[in-house]
Amino acid sequence: SPMRYDIPPKVDGSLTWAVDMTLPGMVHARNIKPPVAGGRLRSVEESSVRDLPGFIRVVRKGNYLAVVCEREEQAITAARRLKTNWEKPSSAPFPTSEELFSYMRAATPTSKFEPDPTGDPEAALAGAATVIEAEYDVPFQGHTAFGPAHALADPSNGQMTIYTNDMKSYGMRVGIAEFLGMPRDRVRVVWMEGSQAYGRTAADDAGFEAAFLAKEIGRPVRLQWMRDEETAWDTKGTAFTFALRGGLDSQGKLVAFDYNAQAAD
């Protein structure tokens, strides 16, 4: 079997994780999320943080808001102190957890896959000795990685280099190139080891944010989410509803199976 290259440096502490990556001239950023989903940013009082130690800039574009400071603890303080005015949506952008699955089953799908049946399931079910039906619901799942999403973006030398532990390096490269209006060959994503979830990490948002801020500031920017942001705002695994029907003959052998599912992203 191939040797695990990563085990020795993880054991002796010599491994440089994505969260530990530093660059000369690097600054730190934190984003500011709305108090409720769908909130719209109306105003920002930059004067509430301008005099804080290490403050560099408040960056706002549309509904996106972040603070940039020389040190990480300064960025955390600035993000907590920045005075903002958010407008709550007039109606909830999506149903509550208690209403989610009823909503999904009743909603008109925005896209769908047409069935490709083998045989005639309806006829087989009609002639089955026993029909078993069941419905199952799977809620949205947070990635909730051990370490909240983070990335470091470097705009030096006419290119954008992103250091990340996100699982989709190639997709991030293509997406950031399009997002920033840069040629793809001027965007580089360096994957590094990171503290993961029970599975792989989805830290795309942090990579995009760091790249955007690095282009705005003109310096390497390290951005990390806070734990509460990771829990509330990370990219969620899809919610599903399933309706299953199975037909058995008199000997208990399966003669028909019908499967219908809805997914909500």
Protein backbone atom coordinates (compact mmCIF):
# COMPACT_ATOMS: atom_id res chain seq x y z
CA SER A 1 0.00 0.00 0.00
CA PRO A 2 1.19 3.57 -0.65
CA MET A 3 2.63 5.33 2.36
CA ARG A 4 0.49 8.09 3.90
CA TYR A 5 2.69 11.14 3.31
CA ASP A 6 0.67 13.30 5.69
CA ILE A 7 0.71 11.21 8.87
CA PRO A 8 4.31 11.96 10.11
CA PRO A 9 4.02 15.79 9.85
CA LYS A 10 0.56 15.68 11.44
CA VAL A 11 1.95 13.70 14.35
CA ASP A 12 5.06 15.79 14.93
CA GLY A 13 3.35 19.14 14.28
CA SER A 14 5.49 20.16 11.31
CA LEU A 15 2.66 20.22 8.75
CA THR A 16 1.59 23.64 7.47
CA TRP A 17 -2.20 23.55 7.39
CA ALA A 18 -4.26 25.89 5.24
CA VAL A 19 -5.36 27.70 8.40
CA ASP A 20 -1.70 28.37 9.28
CA MET A 21 -0.63 29.76 5.89
CA THR A 22 0.94 33.24 6.03
CA LEU A 23 2.46 35.60 3.47
CA PRO A 24 4.47 38.82 3.76
CA GLY A 25 2.20 41.86 3.96
CA MET A 26 -0.86 39.73 4.69
CA VAL A 27 -3.91 41.38 6.25
CA HIS A 28 -7.00 39.86 7.86
CA ALA A 29 -10.69 40.14 7.05
CA ARG A 30 -14.02 39.20 8.53
CA ASN A 31 -17.39 39.39 6.81
CA ILE A 32 -20.58 40.72 8.39
CA LYS A 33 -23.69 38.62 7.79
CA PRO A 34 -27.27 39.92 7.92
CA PRO A 35 -29.23 39.17 11.10
CA VAL A 36 -31.80 37.17 9.11
CA ALA A 37 -31.72 35.32 5.80
CA GLY A 38 -32.72 37.58 2.95
CA GLY A 39 -31.81 40.78 4.81
CA ARG A 40 -30.80 43.74 2.62
CA LEU A 41 -28.00 46.08 3.65
CA ARG A 42 -29.27 49.67 3.78
CA SER A 43 -26.44 51.61 5.44
CA VAL A 44 -23.06 51.25 7.15
CA GLU A 45 -21.46 53.59 9.68
CA GLU A 46 -17.75 53.26 8.92
CA SER A 47 -17.02 55.87 11.60
CA SER A 48 -17.91 53.25 14.22
CA VAL A 49 -14.68 51.34 13.48
CA ARG A 50 -12.41 53.83 11.71
CA ASP A 51 -10.45 54.66 14.87
CA LEU A 52 -9.83 51.05 15.92
CA PRO A 53 -6.19 49.86 16.01
CA GLY A 54 -5.08 48.25 12.75
CA PHE A 55 -8.18 49.27 10.80
CA ILE A 56 -7.62 49.37 7.04
CA ARG A 57 -10.96 49.48 5.26
CA VAL A 58 -14.64 48.60 5.18
CA VAL A 59 -15.46 46.88 1.89
CA ARG A 60 -19.02 46.88 0.64
CA LYS A 61 -20.42 45.69 -2.66
CA GLY A 62 -24.17 45.31 -2.89
CA ASN A 63 -25.23 43.14 0.02
CA TYR A 64 -21.70 41.96 0.80
CA LEU A 65 -19.87 43.60 3.70
CA ALA A 66 -16.45 42.98 5.23
CA VAL A 67 -13.82 44.71 7.35
CA VAL A 68 -10.08 44.46 6.73
CA CYS A 69 -7.47 45.01 9.45
CA GLU A 70 -3.77 44.38 9.98
CA ARG A 71 -4.31 41.61 12.56
CA GLU A 72 -6.93 38.92 12.97
CA GLU A 73 -8.16 39.93 16.43
CA GLN A 74 -8.52 43.50 15.14
CA ALA A 75 -10.72 42.30 12.27
CA ILE A 76 -12.88 40.31 14.71
CA THR A 77 -13.33 43.38 16.93
CA ALA A 78 -14.14 45.59 13.94
CA ALA A 79 -16.70 43.14 12.58
CA ARG A 80 -18.47 43.05 15.94
CA ARG A 81 -18.46 46.83 16.40
CA LEU A 82 -19.35 47.96 12.88
CA LYS A 83 -22.78 49.62 12.98
CA THR A 84 -25.07 48.51 10.19
CA ASN A 85 -28.69 48.87 9.17
CA TRP A 86 -30.31 45.80 7.62
CA GLU A 87 -33.83 45.64 6.23
CA LYS A 88 -35.66 42.42 6.99
CA PRO A 89 -37.54 40.80 4.10
CA SER A 90 -41.29 41.33 4.06
CA SER A 91 -41.77 37.57 3.85
CA ALA A 92 -39.54 34.64 4.69
CA PRO A 93 -37.39 33.54 1.72
CA PHE A 94 -38.03 29.87 2.50
CA PRO A 95 -40.34 27.86 4.77
CA THR A 96 -39.60 26.87 8.36
CA SER A 97 -38.18 23.45 9.14
CA GLU A 98 -41.63 22.25 10.22
CA GLU A 99 -43.13 23.28 6.86
CA LEU A 100 -40.20 22.39 4.61
CA PHE A 101 -41.20 18.94 3.39
CA SER A 102 -44.83 19.80 2.75
CA TYR A 103 -43.60 22.79 0.75
CA MET A 104 -41.19 20.64 -1.25
CA ARG A 105 -43.82 18.04 -2.14
CA ALA A 106 -46.27 20.70 -3.30
CA ALA A 107 -43.80 22.95 -5.13
CA THR A 108 -43.50 23.03 -8.92
CA PRO A 109 -39.98 21.80 -9.70
CA THR A 110 -37.60 24.17 -11.47
CA SER A 111 -35.97 21.19 -13.21
CA LYS A 112 -36.63 17.49 -13.29
CA PHE A 113 -35.47 14.17 -14.68
CA GLU A 114 -38.04 12.26 -16.65
CA PRO A 115 -38.40 8.63 -15.52
CA ASP A 116 -36.95 5.85 -17.65
CA PRO A 117 -39.00 2.85 -16.51
CA THR A 118 -38.26 -0.78 -17.22
CA GLY A 119 -41.51 -2.57 -17.95
CA ASP A 120 -44.83 -1.22 -16.68
CA PRO A 121 -44.50 -0.36 -12.95
CA GLU A 122 -48.13 0.71 -12.56
CA ALA A 123 -49.46 -2.52 -14.04
CA ALA A 124 -47.06 -4.58 -11.93
CA LEU A 125 -48.10 -2.72 -8.79
CA ALA A 126 -51.79 -3.17 -9.62
CA GLY A 127 -51.26 -6.92 -9.93
CA ALA A 128 -48.99 -7.32 -6.90
CA ALA A 129 -50.10 -9.45 -3.97
CA THR A 130 -48.73 -6.84 -1.53
CA VAL A 131 -47.89 -3.18 -2.01
CA ILE A 132 -45.66 -1.41 0.52
CA GLU A 133 -45.47 2.39 0.53
CA ALA A 134 -43.27 4.71 2.57
CA GLU A 135 -42.14 8.33 2.62
CA TYR A 136 -38.83 9.61 3.97
CA ASP A 137 -37.53 13.11 4.65
CA VAL A 138 -33.90 14.25 4.83
CA PRO A 139 -33.32 17.80 6.15
CA PHE A 140 -30.63 20.23 5.09
CA GLN A 141 -27.25 19.15 6.44
CA GLY A 142 -24.48 21.54 7.46
CA HIS A 143 -20.88 20.61 6.70
CA THR A 144 -19.88 22.08 10.10
CA ALA A 145 -16.19 21.44 9.62
CA PHE A 146 -13.96 21.19 12.69
CA GLY A 147 -12.29 24.42 11.52
CA PRO A 148 -14.56 27.14 10.11
CA ALA A 149 -14.15 28.10 6.44
CA HIS A 150 -10.99 30.05 5.67
CA ALA A 151 -8.76 31.00 2.75
CA LEU A 152 -5.80 33.19 1.90
CA ALA A 153 -5.71 35.03 -1.43
CA ASP A 154 -2.59 36.66 -2.90
CA PRO A 155 -2.99 39.18 -5.77
CA SER A 156 0.75 39.54 -6.38
CA ASN A 157 2.51 39.38 -9.75
CA GLY A 158 -0.58 39.96 -11.86
CA GLN A 159 -2.31 36.78 -10.78
CA MET A 160 -4.57 35.56 -8.00
CA THR A 161 -3.36 32.65 -5.87
CA ILE A 162 -5.77 31.14 -3.34
CA TYR A 163 -4.60 28.84 -0.55
CA THR A 164 -7.50 26.70 0.64
CA ASN A 165 -8.57 23.32 1.97
CA ASP A 166 -11.79 23.42 -0.07
CA MET A 167 -12.59 20.15 -1.82
CA LYS A 168 -13.34 21.74 -5.23
CA SER A 169 -10.04 23.30 -6.29
CA TYR A 170 -10.71 23.18 -10.03
CA GLY A 171 -14.22 24.54 -9.71
CA MET A 172 -12.93 27.33 -7.47
CA ARG A 173 -10.33 28.29 -10.05
CA VAL A 174 -12.87 28.47 -12.86
CA GLY A 175 -15.40 30.30 -10.68
CA ILE A 176 -13.00 32.90 -9.30
CA ALA A 177 -11.61 33.64 -12.77
CA GLU A 178 -15.13 34.33 -14.00
CA PHE A 179 -16.12 36.19 -10.82
CA LEU A 180 -13.13 38.55 -10.96
CA GLY A 181 -13.05 38.86 -14.76
CA MET A 182 -9.53 37.38 -14.93
CA PRO A 183 -8.07 34.93 -17.47
CA ARG A 184 -8.19 31.43 -16.06
CA ASP A 185 -4.43 31.01 -16.48
CA ARG A 186 -3.91 33.93 -14.08
CA VAL A 187 -5.81 32.21 -11.26
CA ARG A 188 -4.14 29.50 -9.21
CA VAL A 189 -5.68 27.46 -6.38
CA VAL A 190 -3.27 25.72 -3.99
CA TRP A 191 -4.94 22.93 -2.03
CA MET A 192 -3.61 22.40 1.48
CA GLU A 193 -4.49 20.09 4.33
CA GLY A 194 -7.18 21.39 6.63
CA SER A 195 -9.32 20.47 9.59
CA GLN A 196 -12.22 18.81 7.85
CA ALA A 197 -15.74 17.66 8.47
CA TYR A 198 -16.88 14.04 8.66
CA GLY A 199 -16.10 13.91 4.96
CA ARG A 200 -14.81 16.77 2.85
CA THR A 201 -14.86 20.53 3.39
CA ALA A 202 -16.90 23.07 1.42
CA ALA A 203 -15.13 26.40 1.96
CA ASP A 204 -15.82 27.88 -1.48
CA ASP A 205 -17.39 31.06 -0.12
CA ALA A 206 -14.31 31.93 1.92
CA GLY A 207 -12.05 31.45 -1.11
CA PHE A 208 -14.22 33.72 -3.26
CA GLU A 209 -14.42 36.32 -0.49
CA ALA A 210 -10.66 36.33 0.09
CA ALA A 211 -9.98 36.67 -3.64
CA PHE A 212 -12.48 39.53 -4.01
CA LEU A 213 -11.03 41.40 -1.02
CA ALA A 214 -7.44 40.81 -2.15
CA LYS A 215 -8.25 42.37 -5.51
CA GLU A 216 -9.94 45.33 -3.78
CA ILE A 217 -7.13 45.89 -1.25
CA GLY A 218 -4.17 44.96 -3.44
CA ARG A 219 -2.58 42.90 -0.64
CA PRO A 220 -2.75 39.25 0.45
CA VAL A 221 -5.96 38.80 2.45
CA ARG A 222 -6.69 35.99 4.86
CA LEU A 223 -10.39 35.55 5.63
CA GLN A 224 -11.90 33.17 8.17
CA TRP A 225 -15.49 32.69 9.22
CA MET A 226 -16.53 32.58 12.85
CA ARG A 227 -18.03 29.43 14.34
CA ASP A 228 -21.55 30.84 14.48
CA GLU A 229 -21.30 31.89 10.82
CA GLU A 230 -20.14 28.43 9.84
CA THR A 231 -23.10 26.83 11.61
CA ALA A 232 -25.67 29.24 10.19
CA TRP A 233 -24.37 30.16 6.74
CA ASP A 234 -22.17 27.33 5.42
CA THR A 235 -23.12 25.60 2.17
CA LYS A 236 -25.79 23.10 3.17
CA GLY A 237 -26.23 19.57 1.92
CA THR A 238 -29.43 19.24 -0.08
CA ALA A 239 -32.77 18.45 1.57
CA PHE A 240 -34.72 15.54 0.05
CA THR A 241 -38.14 13.97 0.18
CA PHE A 242 -38.67 10.40 -1.01
CA ALA A 243 -41.87 8.52 -1.83
CA LEU A 244 -41.33 4.80 -2.45
CA ARG A 245 -43.68 2.02 -3.54
CA GLY A 246 -42.78 -1.64 -3.78
CA GLY A 247 -44.88 -4.53 -5.09
CA LEU A 248 -44.40 -8.16 -3.96
CA ASP A 249 -45.83 -11.33 -5.45
CA SER A 250 -47.38 -14.13 -3.35
CA GLN A 251 -43.89 -15.57 -2.67
CA GLY A 252 -42.61 -12.22 -1.40
CA LYS A 253 -40.45 -11.51 -4.45
CA LEU A 254 -40.16 -7.96 -5.73
CA VAL A 255 -42.15 -7.41 -8.93
CA ALA A 256 -42.24 -3.60 -9.03
CA PHE A 257 -40.47 -0.64 -7.51
CA ASP A 258 -41.41 3.02 -7.97
CA TYR A 259 -39.23 5.85 -6.67
CA ASN A 260 -40.06 9.55 -6.59
CA ALA A 261 -37.92 12.22 -4.93
CA GLN A 262 -37.70 15.99 -4.62
CA ALA A 263 -34.57 17.93 -3.74
CA ALA A 264 -34.23 21.50 -2.45
CA ASP A 265 -30.90 23.33 -2.79
